Amino acid sequence: CGPIAFVGLVVPHVARRLAGVDYRWIVPYAGL
């Protein structure tokens, strides 16, 4: 789709707010 900004920067922070600090949950949360 070409370069799309801010998704990779902002989404992980949203995932952290939802899933806590465990990356085993942060990563799948960030994908969805």
ModelCIF file with pLDDT and N, C-alpha, C, O atoms, coordinates in Angstrom:
data_MODEL
#
_entry.id   MODEL 
#
_entity.id                         1 
_entity.type                       polymer 
_entity.pdbx_number_of_molecules   1 
#
_entity_poly.entity_id                      1 
_entity_poly.type                           'polypeptide(L)' 
_entity_poly.nstd_linkage                   no 
_entity_poly.nstd_monomer                   no 
_entity_poly.pdbx_seq_one_letter_code       CGPIAFVGLVVPHVARRLAGVDYRWIVPYAGL 
_entity_poly.pdbx_seq_one_letter_code_can   CGPIAFVGLVVPHVARRLAGVDYRWIVPYAGL 
_entity_poly.pdbx_strand_id                 A 
#
loop_
_entity_poly_seq.entity_id 
_entity_poly_seq.num 
_entity_poly_seq.mon_id 
_entity_poly_seq.hetero 
1 1  CYS n 
1 2  GLY n 
1 3  PRO n 
1 4  ILE n 
1 5  ALA n 
1 6  PHE n 
1 7  VAL n 
1 8  GLY n 
1 9  LEU n 
1 10 VAL n 
1 11 VAL n 
1 12 PRO n 
1 13 HIS n 
1 14 VAL n 
1 15 ALA n 
1 16 ARG n 
1 17 ARG n 
1 18 LEU n 
1 19 ALA n 
1 20 GLY n 
1 21 VAL n 
1 22 ASP n 
1 23 TYR n 
1 24 ARG n 
1 25 TRP n 
1 26 ILE n 
1 27 VAL n 
1 28 PRO n 
1 29 TYR n 
1 30 ALA n 
1 31 GLY n 
1 32 LEU n 
#
_struct_asym.id          A 
_struct_asym.entity_id   1 
#
loop_
_ma_qa_metric.id 
_ma_qa_metric.mode 
_ma_qa_metric.name 
_ma_qa_metric.software_group_id 
_ma_qa_metric.type 
1 global pLDDT . pLDDT 
2 local  pLDDT . pLDDT 
#
_ma_qa_metric_global.metric_id      1 
_ma_qa_metric_global.metric_value   92.44 
_ma_qa_metric_global.model_id       1 
_ma_qa_metric_global.ordinal_id     1 
#
loop_
_ma_qa_metric_local.label_asym_id 
_ma_qa_metric_local.label_comp_id 
_ma_qa_metric_local.label_seq_id 
_ma_qa_metric_local.metric_id 
_ma_qa_metric_local.metric_value 
_ma_qa_metric_local.model_id 
_ma_qa_metric_local.ordinal_id 
A CYS 1  2 92.00 1 1  
A GLY 2  2 90.00 1 2  
A PRO 3  2 91.00 1 3  
A ILE 4  2 93.00 1 4  
A ALA 5  2 87.00 1 5  
A PHE 6  2 90.00 1 6  
A VAL 7  2 94.00 1 7  
A GLY 8  2 92.00 1 8  
A LEU 9  2 90.00 1 9  
A VAL 10 2 91.00 1 10 
A VAL 11 2 93.00 1 11 
A PRO 12 2 93.00 1 12 
A HIS 13 2 90.00 1 13 
A VAL 14 2 90.00 1 14 
A ALA 15 2 93.00 1 15 
A ARG 16 2 90.00 1 16 
A ARG 17 2 88.00 1 17 
A LEU 18 2 91.00 1 18 
A ALA 19 2 92.00 1 19 
A GLY 20 2 88.00 1 20 
A VAL 21 2 89.00 1 21 
A ASP 22 2 92.00 1 22 
A TYR 23 2 94.00 1 23 
A ARG 24 2 94.00 1 24 
A TRP 25 2 95.00 1 25 
A ILE 26 2 95.00 1 26 
A VAL 27 2 96.00 1 27 
A PRO 28 2 97.00 1 28 
A TYR 29 2 97.00 1 29 
A ALA 30 2 97.00 1 30 
A GLY 31 2 97.00 1 31 
A LEU 32 2 97.00 1 32 
#
loop_
_atom_site.group_PDB 
_atom_site.id 
_atom_site.type_symbol 
_atom_site.label_atom_id 
_atom_site.label_alt_id 
_atom_site.label_comp_id 
_atom_site.label_asym_id 
_atom_site.label_entity_id 
_atom_site.label_seq_id 
_atom_site.pdbx_PDB_ins_code 
_atom_site.Cartn_x 
_atom_site.Cartn_y 
_atom_site.Cartn_z 
_atom_site.occupancy 
_atom_site.B_iso_or_equiv 
_atom_site.pdbx_formal_charge 
_atom_site.auth_seq_id 
_atom_site.auth_comp_id 
_atom_site.auth_asym_id 
_atom_site.auth_atom_id 
_atom_site.pdbx_PDB_model_num 
ATOM 1   N N  . CYS A 1 1  ? 0.790  -1.232  0.000  1.00 92.00 ? 1  CYS A N  1 
ATOM 2   C CA . CYS A 1 1  ? 0.000  0.000   0.000  1.00 92.00 ? 1  CYS A CA 1 
ATOM 3   C C  . CYS A 1 1  ? 0.818  1.276   0.000  1.00 92.00 ? 1  CYS A C  1 
ATOM 4   O O  . CYS A 1 1  ? 0.249  2.364   0.092  1.00 92.00 ? 1  CYS A O  1 
ATOM 5   N N  . GLY A 1 2  ? 2.145  1.178   -0.101 1.00 90.00 ? 2  GLY A N  1 
ATOM 6   C CA . GLY A 1 2  ? 2.973  2.364   -0.007 1.00 90.00 ? 2  GLY A CA 1 
ATOM 7   C C  . GLY A 1 2  ? 3.239  2.694   1.461  1.00 90.00 ? 2  GLY A C  1 
ATOM 8   O O  . GLY A 1 2  ? 2.714  2.030   2.355  1.00 90.00 ? 2  GLY A O  1 
ATOM 9   N N  . PRO A 1 3  ? 4.052  3.714   1.706  1.00 91.00 ? 3  PRO A N  1 
ATOM 10  C CA . PRO A 1 3  ? 4.390  4.073   3.098  1.00 91.00 ? 3  PRO A CA 1 
ATOM 11  C C  . PRO A 1 3  ? 3.195  4.688   3.822  1.00 91.00 ? 3  PRO A C  1 
ATOM 12  O O  . PRO A 1 3  ? 2.591  5.647   3.339  1.00 91.00 ? 3  PRO A O  1 
ATOM 13  N N  . ILE A 1 4  ? 2.862  4.129   4.982  1.00 93.00 ? 4  ILE A N  1 
ATOM 14  C CA . ILE A 1 4  ? 1.768  4.643   5.812  1.00 93.00 ? 4  ILE A CA 1 
ATOM 15  C C  . ILE A 1 4  ? 2.331  4.936   7.195  1.00 93.00 ? 4  ILE A C  1 
ATOM 16  O O  . ILE A 1 4  ? 2.821  4.040   7.883  1.00 93.00 ? 4  ILE A O  1 
ATOM 17  N N  . ALA A 1 5  ? 2.256  6.181   7.588  1.00 87.00 ? 5  ALA A N  1 
ATOM 18  C CA . ALA A 1 5  ? 2.902  6.623   8.822  1.00 87.00 ? 5  ALA A CA 1 
ATOM 19  C C  . ALA A 1 5  ? 2.027  6.380   10.044 1.00 87.00 ? 5  ALA A C  1 
ATOM 20  O O  . ALA A 1 5  ? 0.811  6.213   9.941  1.00 87.00 ? 5  ALA A O  1 
ATOM 21  N N  . PHE A 1 6  ? 2.675  6.366   11.196 1.00 90.00 ? 6  PHE A N  1 
ATOM 22  C CA . PHE A 1 6  ? 2.069  6.429   12.532 1.00 90.00 ? 6  PHE A CA 1 
ATOM 23  C C  . PHE A 1 6  ? 1.428  5.132   13.019 1.00 90.00 ? 6  PHE A C  1 
ATOM 24  O O  . PHE A 1 6  ? 1.221  4.984   14.224 1.00 90.00 ? 6  PHE A O  1 
ATOM 25  N N  . VAL A 1 7  ? 1.104  4.185   12.134 1.00 94.00 ? 7  VAL A N  1 
ATOM 26  C CA . VAL A 1 7  ? 0.480  2.949   12.615 1.00 94.00 ? 7  VAL A CA 1 
ATOM 27  C C  . VAL A 1 7  ? 1.448  2.198   13.527 1.00 94.00 ? 7  VAL A C  1 
ATOM 28  O O  . VAL A 1 7  ? 1.087  1.811   14.639 1.00 94.00 ? 7  VAL A O  1 
ATOM 29  N N  . GLY A 1 8  ? 2.679  1.994   13.055 1.00 92.00 ? 8  GLY A N  1 
ATOM 30  C CA . GLY A 1 8  ? 3.656  1.270   13.844 1.00 92.00 ? 8  GLY A CA 1 
ATOM 31  C C  . GLY A 1 8  ? 4.121  2.017   15.073 1.00 92.00 ? 8  GLY A C  1 
ATOM 32  O O  . GLY A 1 8  ? 4.695  1.414   15.981 1.00 92.00 ? 8  GLY A O  1 
ATOM 33  N N  . LEU A 1 9  ? 3.888  3.307   15.123 1.00 90.00 ? 9  LEU A N  1 
ATOM 34  C CA . LEU A 1 9  ? 4.295  4.115   16.279 1.00 90.00 ? 9  LEU A CA 1 
ATOM 35  C C  . LEU A 1 9  ? 3.214  4.170   17.341 1.00 90.00 ? 9  LEU A C  1 
ATOM 36  O O  . LEU A 1 9  ? 3.501  3.991   18.524 1.00 90.00 ? 9  LEU A O  1 
ATOM 37  N N  . VAL A 1 10 ? 1.979  4.414   16.937 1.00 91.00 ? 10 VAL A N  1 
ATOM 38  C CA . VAL A 1 10 ? 0.899  4.683   17.883 1.00 91.00 ? 10 VAL A CA 1 
ATOM 39  C C  . VAL A 1 10 ? 0.207  3.405   18.359 1.00 91.00 ? 10 VAL A C  1 
ATOM 40  O O  . VAL A 1 10 ? -0.124 3.279   19.538 1.00 91.00 ? 10 VAL A O  1 
ATOM 41  N N  . VAL A 1 11 ? -0.011 2.461   17.445 1.00 93.00 ? 11 VAL A N  1 
ATOM 42  C CA . VAL A 1 11 ? -0.789 1.260   17.783 1.00 93.00 ? 11 VAL A CA 1 
ATOM 43  C C  . VAL A 1 11 ? -0.208 0.479   18.970 1.00 93.00 ? 11 VAL A C  1 
ATOM 44  O O  . VAL A 1 11 ? -0.977 0.048   19.829 1.00 93.00 ? 11 VAL A O  1 
ATOM 45  N N  . PRO A 1 12 ? 1.131  0.276   19.058 1.00 93.00 ? 12 PRO A N  1 
ATOM 46  C CA . PRO A 1 12 ? 1.648  -0.461  20.224 1.00 93.00 ? 12 PRO A CA 1 
ATOM 47  C C  . PRO A 1 12 ? 1.309  0.186   21.558 1.00 93.00 ? 12 PRO A C  1 
ATOM 48  O O  . PRO A 1 12 ? 1.150  -0.519  22.555 1.00 93.00 ? 12 PRO A O  1 
ATOM 49  N N  . HIS A 1 13 ? 1.193  1.506   21.604 1.00 90.00 ? 13 HIS A N  1 
ATOM 50  C CA . HIS A 1 13 ? 0.829  2.175   22.853 1.00 90.00 ? 13 HIS A CA 1 
ATOM 51  C C  . HIS A 1 13 ? -0.626 1.890   23.224 1.00 90.00 ? 13 HIS A C  1 
ATOM 52  O O  . HIS A 1 13 ? -0.961 1.724   24.396 1.00 90.00 ? 13 HIS A O  1 
ATOM 53  N N  . VAL A 1 14 ? -1.485 1.837   22.200 1.00 90.00 ? 14 VAL A N  1 
ATOM 54  C CA . VAL A 1 14 ? -2.877 1.456   22.455 1.00 90.00 ? 14 VAL A CA 1 
ATOM 55  C C  . VAL A 1 14 ? -2.932 0.026   22.970 1.00 90.00 ? 14 VAL A C  1 
ATOM 56  O O  . VAL A 1 14 ? -3.666 -0.277  23.910 1.00 90.00 ? 14 VAL A O  1 
ATOM 57  N N  . ALA A 1 15 ? -2.145 -0.854  22.346 1.00 93.00 ? 15 ALA A N  1 
ATOM 58  C CA . ALA A 1 15 ? -2.115 -2.255  22.775 1.00 93.00 ? 15 ALA A CA 1 
ATOM 59  C C  . ALA A 1 15 ? -1.631 -2.376  24.209 1.00 93.00 ? 15 ALA A C  1 
ATOM 60  O O  . ALA A 1 15 ? -2.144 -3.198  24.968 1.00 93.00 ? 15 ALA A O  1 
ATOM 61  N N  . ARG A 1 16 ? -0.639 -1.559  24.594 1.00 90.00 ? 16 ARG A N  1 
ATOM 62  C CA . ARG A 1 16 ? -0.127 -1.600  25.963 1.00 90.00 ? 16 ARG A CA 1 
ATOM 63  C C  . ARG A 1 16 ? -1.190 -1.151  26.971 1.00 90.00 ? 16 ARG A C  1 
ATOM 64  O O  . ARG A 1 16 ? -1.292 -1.701  28.068 1.00 90.00 ? 16 ARG A O  1 
ATOM 65  N N  . ARG A 1 17 ? -1.969 -0.157  26.586 1.00 88.00 ? 17 ARG A N  1 
ATOM 66  C CA . ARG A 1 17 ? -3.032 0.295   27.483 1.00 88.00 ? 17 ARG A CA 1 
ATOM 67  C C  . ARG A 1 17 ? -4.075 -0.796  27.693 1.00 88.00 ? 17 ARG A C  1 
ATOM 68  O O  . ARG A 1 17 ? -4.694 -0.869  28.755 1.00 88.00 ? 17 ARG A O  1 
ATOM 69  N N  . LEU A 1 18 ? -4.270 -1.637  26.693 1.00 91.00 ? 18 LEU A N  1 
ATOM 70  C CA . LEU A 1 18 ? -5.273 -2.691  26.781 1.00 91.00 ? 18 LEU A CA 1 
ATOM 71  C C  . LEU A 1 18 ? -4.733 -3.976  27.393 1.00 91.00 ? 18 LEU A C  1 
ATOM 72  O O  . LEU A 1 18 ? -5.447 -4.666  28.121 1.00 91.00 ? 18 LEU A O  1 
ATOM 73  N N  . ALA A 1 19 ? -3.471 -4.303  27.101 1.00 92.00 ? 19 ALA A N  1 
ATOM 74  C CA . ALA A 1 19 ? -2.932 -5.620  27.436 1.00 92.00 ? 19 ALA A CA 1 
ATOM 75  C C  . ALA A 1 19 ? -1.918 -5.601  28.562 1.00 92.00 ? 19 ALA A C  1 
ATOM 76  O O  . ALA A 1 19 ? -1.519 -6.670  29.023 1.00 92.00 ? 19 ALA A O  1 
ATOM 77  N N  . GLY A 1 20 ? -1.478 -4.433  29.031 1.00 88.00 ? 20 GLY A N  1 
ATOM 78  C CA . GLY A 1 20 ? -0.471 -4.393  30.079 1.00 88.00 ? 20 GLY A CA 1 
ATOM 79  C C  . GLY A 1 20 ? 0.938  -4.423  29.520 1.00 88.00 ? 20 GLY A C  1 
ATOM 80  O O  . GLY A 1 20 ? 1.183  -3.918  28.425 1.00 88.00 ? 20 GLY A O  1 
ATOM 81  N N  . VAL A 1 21 ? 1.865  -5.009  30.260 1.00 89.00 ? 21 VAL A N  1 
ATOM 82  C CA . VAL A 1 21 ? 3.284  -4.932  29.907 1.00 89.00 ? 21 VAL A CA 1 
ATOM 83  C C  . VAL A 1 21 ? 3.841  -6.239  29.369 1.00 89.00 ? 21 VAL A C  1 
ATOM 84  O O  . VAL A 1 21 ? 5.018  -6.299  29.012 1.00 89.00 ? 21 VAL A O  1 
ATOM 85  N N  . ASP A 1 22 ? 3.040  -7.276  29.300 1.00 92.00 ? 22 ASP A N  1 
ATOM 86  C CA . ASP A 1 22 ? 3.506  -8.582  28.829 1.00 92.00 ? 22 ASP A CA 1 
ATOM 87  C C  . ASP A 1 22 ? 3.478  -8.610  27.310 1.00 92.00 ? 22 ASP A C  1 
ATOM 88  O O  . ASP A 1 22 ? 2.408  -8.528  26.707 1.00 92.00 ? 22 ASP A O  1 
ATOM 89  N N  . TYR A 1 23 ? 4.665  -8.728  26.677 1.00 94.00 ? 23 TYR A N  1 
ATOM 90  C CA . TYR A 1 23 ? 4.731  -8.691  25.213 1.00 94.00 ? 23 TYR A CA 1 
ATOM 91  C C  . TYR A 1 23 ? 4.065  -9.898  24.565 1.00 94.00 ? 23 TYR A C  1 
ATOM 92  O O  . TYR A 1 23 ? 3.734  -9.851  23.380 1.00 94.00 ? 23 TYR A O  1 
ATOM 93  N N  . ARG A 1 24 ? 3.863  -10.966 25.305 1.00 94.00 ? 24 ARG A N  1 
ATOM 94  C CA . ARG A 1 24 ? 3.145  -12.102 24.744 1.00 94.00 ? 24 ARG A CA 1 
ATOM 95  C C  . ARG A 1 24 ? 1.700  -11.745 24.436 1.00 94.00 ? 24 ARG A C  1 
ATOM 96  O O  . ARG A 1 24 ? 1.057  -12.395 23.612 1.00 94.00 ? 24 ARG A O  1 
ATOM 97  N N  . TRP A 1 25 ? 1.192  -10.717 25.095 1.00 95.00 ? 25 TRP A N  1 
ATOM 98  C CA . TRP A 1 25 ? -0.139 -10.196 24.799 1.00 95.00 ? 25 TRP A CA 1 
ATOM 99  C C  . TRP A 1 25 ? -0.067 -8.920  23.967 1.00 95.00 ? 25 TRP A C  1 
ATOM 100 O O  . TRP A 1 25 ? -0.919 -8.692  23.109 1.00 95.00 ? 25 TRP A O  1 
ATOM 101 N N  . ILE A 1 26 ? 0.935  -8.094  24.211 1.00 95.00 ? 26 ILE A N  1 
ATOM 102 C CA . ILE A 1 26 ? 1.030  -6.820  23.492 1.00 95.00 ? 26 ILE A CA 1 
ATOM 103 C C  . ILE A 1 26 ? 1.102  -7.052  21.985 1.00 95.00 ? 26 ILE A C  1 
ATOM 104 O O  . ILE A 1 26 ? 0.418  -6.366  21.225 1.00 95.00 ? 26 ILE A O  1 
ATOM 105 N N  . VAL A 1 27 ? 1.919  -8.007  21.543 1.00 96.00 ? 27 VAL A N  1 
ATOM 106 C CA . VAL A 1 27 ? 2.124  -8.201  20.103 1.00 96.00 ? 27 VAL A CA 1 
ATOM 107 C C  . VAL A 1 27 ? 0.833  -8.624  19.387 1.00 96.00 ? 27 VAL A C  1 
ATOM 108 O O  . VAL A 1 27 ? 0.477  -7.994  18.391 1.00 96.00 ? 27 VAL A O  1 
ATOM 109 N N  . PRO A 1 28 ? 0.113  -9.666  19.850 1.00 97.00 ? 28 PRO A N  1 
ATOM 110 C CA . PRO A 1 28 ? -1.142 -9.986  19.154 1.00 97.00 ? 28 PRO A CA 1 
ATOM 111 C C  . PRO A 1 28 ? -2.190 -8.889  19.270 1.00 97.00 ? 28 PRO A C  1 
ATOM 112 O O  . PRO A 1 28 ? -2.937 -8.644  18.322 1.00 97.00 ? 28 PRO A O  1 
ATOM 113 N N  . TYR A 1 29 ? -2.254 -8.219  20.432 1.00 97.00 ? 29 TYR A N  1 
ATOM 114 C CA . TYR A 1 29 ? -3.171 -7.090  20.562 1.00 97.00 ? 29 TYR A CA 1 
ATOM 115 C C  . TYR A 1 29 ? -2.825 -6.013  19.527 1.00 97.00 ? 29 TYR A C  1 
ATOM 116 O O  . TYR A 1 29 ? -3.717 -5.465  18.878 1.00 97.00 ? 29 TYR A O  1 
ATOM 117 N N  . ALA A 1 30 ? -1.534 -5.712  19.375 1.00 97.00 ? 30 ALA A N  1 
ATOM 118 C CA . ALA A 1 30 ? -1.114 -4.675  18.430 1.00 97.00 ? 30 ALA A CA 1 
ATOM 119 C C  . ALA A 1 30 ? -1.494 -5.052  17.000 1.00 97.00 ? 30 ALA A C  1 
ATOM 120 O O  . ALA A 1 30 ? -1.880 -4.188  16.214 1.00 97.00 ? 30 ALA A O  1 
ATOM 121 N N  . GLY A 1 31 ? -1.387 -6.329  16.662 1.00 97.00 ? 31 GLY A N  1 
ATOM 122 C CA . GLY A 1 31 ? -1.774 -6.750  15.322 1.00 97.00 ? 31 GLY A CA 1 
ATOM 123 C C  . GLY A 1 31 ? -3.247 -6.508  15.047 1.00 97.00 ? 31 GLY A C  1 
ATOM 124 O O  . GLY A 1 31 ? -3.606 -5.967  14.001 1.00 97.00 ? 31 GLY A O  1 
ATOM 125 N N  . LEU A 1 32 ? -4.107 -6.907  15.985 1.00 97.00 ? 32 LEU A N  1 
ATOM 126 C CA . LEU A 1 32 ? -5.545 -6.724  15.789 1.00 97.00 ? 32 LEU A CA 1 
ATOM 127 C C  . LEU A 1 32 ? -5.935 -5.249  15.838 1.00 97.00 ? 32 LEU A C  1 
ATOM 128 O O  . LEU A 1 32 ? -7.111 -4.917  15.690 1.00 97.00 ? 32 LEU A O  1 
#
